[in-house]
Protein backbone atom coordinates (compact mmCIF):
# COMPACT_ATOMS: atom_id res chain seq x y z
CA MET A 1 0.00 0.00 0.00
CA ARG A 2 1.36 3.45 -0.93
CA ALA A 3 2.23 5.85 1.88
CA THR A 4 0.04 8.95 1.73
CA THR A 5 0.47 12.62 2.53
CA HIS A 6 -1.72 15.71 2.73
CA ARG A 7 -1.45 18.24 -0.09
CA HIS A 8 -2.61 21.17 2.06
CA THR A 9 0.65 20.71 4.00
CA TYR A 10 2.70 21.78 0.98
CA VAL A 11 0.37 24.68 0.23
CA ALA A 12 1.02 25.88 3.79
CA LYS A 13 4.79 25.43 3.46
CA ILE A 14 4.92 27.64 0.38
CA GLY A 15 2.70 30.05 2.30
CA ARG A 16 5.47 30.42 4.89
CA PHE A 17 7.78 31.60 2.11
CA LEU A 18 5.20 34.21 1.12
CA ARG A 19 3.86 35.32 4.50
CA PRO A 20 6.40 37.87 5.79
CA ILE A 21 7.08 40.89 3.61
CA GLU A 22 10.39 41.64 5.35
CA PRO A 23 12.42 38.83 3.65
CA ILE A 24 11.96 40.53 0.29
CA ALA A 25 14.83 42.74 1.37
CA GLY A 26 15.86 41.34 4.73
CA LEU A 27 17.21 37.84 4.08
CA ASP A 28 20.74 37.38 2.84
CA GLU A 29 21.20 35.82 -0.59
CA TYR A 30 22.14 32.35 0.67
CA ASP A 31 19.08 32.01 2.95
CA TRP A 32 16.73 33.41 0.31
CA GLU A 33 18.02 30.98 -2.33
CA LYS A 34 17.54 28.07 0.10
CA LEU A 35 13.93 29.09 0.71
CA PHE A 36 13.33 29.52 -3.01
CA ALA A 37 14.75 26.05 -3.76
CA LYS A 38 12.60 24.52 -1.02
CA ASN A 39 9.50 25.77 -2.82
CA SER A 40 10.33 23.56 -5.81
CA ASP A 41 10.75 20.56 -3.47
CA HIS A 42 7.36 21.27 -1.90
CA LEU A 43 5.76 21.61 -5.33
CA LEU A 44 7.20 18.26 -6.43
CA ARG A 45 5.77 16.50 -3.39
CA PHE A 46 2.45 18.25 -4.00
CA LEU A 47 2.26 17.23 -7.68
CA TYR A 48 3.44 13.64 -7.25
CA GLY A 49 0.51 11.28 -7.68
CA LEU A 50 -1.87 13.82 -9.19
CA PRO A 51 -3.53 12.92 -12.50
CA VAL A 52 -1.16 13.85 -15.31
CA GLU A 53 -3.90 16.02 -16.83
CA VAL A 54 -3.77 18.26 -13.74
CA GLN A 55 0.00 18.56 -14.03
CA VAL A 56 -0.20 19.36 -17.75
CA GLY A 57 -2.89 21.92 -17.00
CA LEU A 58 -0.51 23.72 -14.64
CA ALA A 59 2.36 23.55 -17.15
CA VAL A 60 0.17 25.04 -19.87
CA LYS A 61 -1.08 27.72 -17.48
CA VAL A 62 2.40 29.02 -16.57
CA LEU A 63 3.67 28.84 -20.15
CA LYS A 64 0.67 30.76 -21.45
CA ARG A 65 1.29 33.38 -18.77
CA TYR A 66 4.77 34.13 -20.16
CA LEU A 67 4.03 33.46 -23.85
CA PRO A 68 2.85 37.02 -24.70
CA THR A 69 6.16 38.42 -23.42
CA PHE A 70 8.17 36.03 -25.58
CA GLU A 71 6.03 36.73 -28.64
CA PHE A 72 6.28 40.49 -28.11
CA HIS A 73 10.06 40.25 -28.46
CA HIS A 74 10.02 37.44 -31.05
CA PRO A 75 6.79 37.80 -33.07
CA ASP A 76 8.13 35.61 -35.90
CA ASP A 77 9.00 32.64 -33.66
CA PRO A 78 5.92 30.34 -33.46
CA ARG A 79 7.62 27.39 -31.70
CA ALA A 80 6.34 27.99 -28.18
CA ARG A 81 2.76 28.72 -29.22
CA LYS A 82 2.61 25.56 -31.35
CA VAL A 83 3.71 23.38 -28.43
CA VAL A 84 1.29 25.07 -26.02
CA GLU A 85 -1.62 24.67 -28.46
CA ALA A 86 -0.66 21.03 -29.06
CA ALA A 87 -0.65 20.47 -25.29
CA GLU A 88 -4.12 21.98 -25.00
CA LEU A 89 -5.27 19.62 -27.74
CA TRP A 90 -3.57 16.72 -25.88
CA LEU A 91 -5.72 17.48 -22.85
CA LYS A 92 -8.82 16.96 -25.01
CA ASP A 93 -7.56 14.10 -27.21
CA ARG A 94 -4.23 12.42 -26.49
CA PHE A 95 -3.97 10.79 -29.90
CA GLU A 96 -4.53 14.03 -31.79
CA GLY A 97 -2.37 15.93 -29.33
CA ASN A 98 0.56 13.53 -29.72
CA ALA A 99 0.29 13.78 -33.51
CA ARG A 100 0.40 17.59 -33.29
CA LEU A 101 3.34 17.50 -30.86
CA GLN A 102 5.30 15.27 -33.25
CA GLU A 103 4.97 18.03 -35.83
CA CYS A 104 6.40 20.67 -33.50
CA ARG A 105 10.04 21.37 -34.34
CA LEU A 106 12.01 23.23 -31.70
CA GLY A 107 15.43 23.12 -33.38
CA LYS A 108 18.02 24.65 -31.05
CA TYR A 109 15.47 25.32 -28.34
CA TRP A 110 18.07 27.17 -26.22
CA GLU A 111 18.18 30.00 -28.78
CA PRO A 112 17.59 32.92 -28.45
CA GLU A 113 19.78 32.64 -25.37
CA LEU A 114 18.03 35.43 -23.45
CA TYR A 115 14.91 33.25 -23.33
CA TRP A 116 16.62 29.96 -22.55
CA HIS A 117 14.59 29.30 -19.40
CA PHE A 118 11.25 29.73 -21.13
CA LEU A 119 12.21 27.72 -24.21
CA ASN A 120 13.67 24.97 -22.02
CA ALA A 121 10.26 24.79 -20.31
CA VAL A 122 8.58 24.50 -23.72
CA SER A 123 10.94 21.66 -24.67
CA LEU A 124 10.24 19.90 -21.38
CA LEU A 125 6.49 20.05 -21.92
CA LYS A 126 6.75 18.52 -25.38
CA HIS A 127 9.03 15.70 -24.18
CA MET A 128 6.95 15.07 -21.07
CA LEU A 129 3.75 14.58 -23.08
CA LEU A 130 5.37 12.34 -25.68
CA HIS A 131 7.52 10.21 -23.37
CA TRP A 132 6.72 10.66 -19.66
CA ALA A 133 2.93 10.98 -19.48
CA GLU A 134 2.65 7.52 -17.91
CA ASP A 135 5.62 8.03 -15.55
CA MET A 136 4.19 9.45 -12.32
CA PHE A 137 7.54 10.70 -11.04
CA ARG A 138 9.00 12.14 -14.23
CA SER A 139 5.80 13.95 -15.18
CA ALA A 140 5.70 15.62 -11.76
CA ALA A 141 9.41 16.50 -11.87
CA ALA A 142 9.11 17.93 -15.39
CA THR A 143 6.11 20.04 -14.35
CA VAL A 144 8.08 21.51 -11.44
CA ASP A 145 10.95 22.37 -13.77
CA ILE A 146 8.54 23.97 -16.26
CA VAL A 147 7.14 26.16 -13.48
CA SER A 148 10.60 26.99 -12.10
CA ASN A 149 11.99 27.84 -15.53
CA CYS A 150 9.13 30.24 -16.20
CA ILE A 151 9.72 31.97 -12.86
CA TRP A 152 13.48 32.14 -13.48
CA GLN A 153 12.79 33.63 -16.91
CA ARG A 154 10.83 36.47 -15.34
CA MET A 155 13.57 36.95 -12.75
CA ASP A 156 16.17 37.14 -15.54
CA ASP A 157 14.08 39.65 -17.47
CA ILE A 158 13.66 41.91 -14.45
CA TRP A 159 17.32 41.75 -13.44
CA ARG A 160 18.46 42.50 -16.99
CA ALA A 161 16.19 45.56 -17.10
CA ASP A 162 16.90 46.78 -13.56
CA ASN A 163 20.68 46.29 -13.50
CA PRO A 164 22.07 45.43 -16.95
CA ARG A 165 25.69 45.86 -15.87
CA ASP A 166 25.46 43.24 -13.12
CA TYR A 167 23.39 40.99 -15.38
CA GLU A 168 26.07 41.03 -18.08
CA ALA A 169 28.80 40.51 -15.51
CA GLU A 170 26.97 37.42 -14.23
CA GLN A 171 26.78 35.97 -17.73
CA VAL A 172 30.55 36.44 -18.15
CA MET A 173 31.17 34.83 -14.76
CA ARG A 174 29.02 31.80 -15.60
CA ALA A 175 30.81 31.36 -18.93
CA LEU A 176 34.21 31.50 -17.21
CA GLU A 177 33.12 29.07 -14.49
CA GLU A 178 31.78 26.65 -17.10
CA LYS A 179 35.01 26.87 -19.08
CA LEU A 180 37.04 26.20 -15.93
CA MET A 181 34.94 23.14 -15.18
CA VAL A 182 34.74 21.68 -18.69
CA TYR A 183 38.30 22.40 -19.82
CA GLU A 184 40.10 22.10 -16.50
CA ASP A 185 42.54 19.45 -17.78
CA GLN A 186 43.36 21.43 -20.93
CA LEU A 187 44.02 24.81 -19.31
CA SER A 188 47.41 25.85 -18.01
CA GLU A 189 47.77 26.99 -14.40
CA GLU A 190 48.36 30.53 -15.62
CA GLU A 191 45.13 30.49 -17.67
CA LYS A 192 43.18 29.16 -14.69
CA GLN A 193 44.56 31.84 -12.41
CA GLN A 194 43.70 34.57 -14.91
CA MET A 195 40.13 33.33 -15.25
CA GLU A 196 39.69 32.99 -11.48
CA ALA A 197 41.08 36.51 -11.00
CA GLU A 198 38.59 37.85 -13.56
CA ILE A 199 35.72 36.12 -11.74
CA ASP A 200 36.87 37.64 -8.43
CA ARG A 201 37.06 41.09 -10.05
CA LEU A 202 33.53 40.82 -11.42
CA VAL A 203 32.16 39.65 -8.05
CA ALA A 204 33.84 42.57 -6.27
CA GLN A 205 32.44 45.15 -8.70
CA ARG A 206 28.80 44.09 -8.79
CA GLU A 207 26.16 45.77 -6.64
CA SER A 208 24.19 42.57 -6.06
CA SER A 209 23.53 39.13 -7.47
CA GLN A 210 20.26 38.20 -9.10
CA SER A 211 18.85 36.68 -5.91
CA GLY A 212 19.99 39.74 -3.97
CA ASN A 213 18.06 42.17 -6.20
CA VAL A 214 14.96 43.40 -4.36
CA VAL A 215 12.92 43.89 -7.54
CA VAL A 216 13.73 40.36 -8.69
CA ARG A 217 12.65 38.97 -5.32
CA ALA A 218 9.35 40.84 -5.44
CA VAL A 219 8.52 39.36 -8.86
CA ALA A 220 9.46 35.86 -7.64
CA TYR A 221 7.12 36.27 -4.65
CA ARG A 222 4.29 37.35 -6.93
CA GLU A 223 4.70 34.29 -9.17
CA TRP A 224 4.82 31.89 -6.21
CA TRP A 225 1.76 33.58 -4.71
CA LEU A 226 -0.21 32.99 -7.93
CA LEU A 227 0.98 29.39 -7.96
CA GLN A 228 -0.11 28.89 -4.37
CA GLN A 229 -3.65 30.00 -5.26
CA TRP A 230 -3.78 27.27 -7.93
CA MET A 231 -2.37 24.71 -5.44
CA GLN A 232 -5.08 25.58 -2.94
CA GLU A 233 -7.79 24.86 -5.50
CA VAL A 234 -6.21 21.53 -6.46
CA ALA A 235 -5.69 20.52 -2.83
CA ASN A 236 -9.38 21.07 -2.18
CA SER A 237 -10.17 18.58 -4.96
CA TYR A 238 -7.30 16.14 -4.27
CA PRO A 239 -6.48 16.52 -0.56
CA THR A 240 -4.67 13.20 -0.15
CA GLY A 241 -1.38 12.71 -1.99
CA VAL A 242 1.18 9.94 -2.52
CA ARG A 243 4.37 10.16 -0.49
CA LEU A 244 7.51 10.54 -2.61
CA SER A 245 10.22 7.99 -1.83
CA GLN A 246 13.68 9.15 -0.76
CA ARG A 247 15.22 7.46 -3.80
CA ARG A 248 13.03 9.40 -6.18
CA PHE A 249 13.55 12.63 -4.28
CA LEU A 250 17.31 12.22 -4.67
CA ARG A 251 16.84 11.66 -8.40
CA TRP A 252 15.01 14.97 -8.48
CA LEU A 253 17.60 16.70 -6.30
CA PHE A 254 20.45 15.75 -8.62
CA GLY A 255 18.50 16.32 -11.84
CA SER A 256 18.89 12.72 -12.97
CA TYR A 257 15.23 12.33 -13.97
CA ASP A 258 15.96 14.30 -17.16
CA ASN A 259 18.11 12.79 -19.90
CA TRP A 260 20.22 13.58 -22.91
CA GLU A 261 17.53 12.16 -25.20
CA ARG A 262 15.34 15.17 -24.41
CA LYS A 263 18.21 17.66 -24.39
CA SER A 264 19.48 16.54 -27.77
CA SER A 265 16.06 16.22 -29.42
CA ARG A 266 14.74 18.77 -31.90
């Protein structure tokens, strides 16, 4: 017999993140990031065991919320809308929806790079419907990542507009850190030291990180508040959930539920 849990518990836990107004500016970056990450864990436990149609409904809801912003900046890029419309069709007729999804071509879904989070969420939705709809754990994990990516996309947008200098510096830092990690064995000690020194210089010059930006935090709170309202409605209809095993939670924690098949697909 499956162990059960109560979905209202996770609604309340996300409510604790939202309740005090003071942490918008008061918490240090490390503590705020920990709280933010915990929300995704709570959402996973909330979604696990729900009918996949409910999960897809949430994924479509958050993607449609950001879609007008993407299309405003990229009016000639129909990829995201086609996947969202195919998902809506899938909710009515899986056979027809799957056929429509097969026709959706995302190409290099990570381009344009400024909208990577949103387009990654679109790619996840397509792959989830075609390959993970019958996998209770992977469908829940993918839905959480779709939600999180859409929130991160808004946070990126706000940070880029509010403090473009620090935003650009962060992109340079991430590129240097990735290069250090990927090409560690091929770089000379002098090259490594130069790159590390440049990272230190950029850190010292910035006013704040993304998670330390008050405007970014306020937008993140708003998005989680809207999500909590949806969770409350679902919890009223499906109050009893299925407890997530520790093994599956660790798969989620280390991102191993996703695979290269999805990331390399077009």
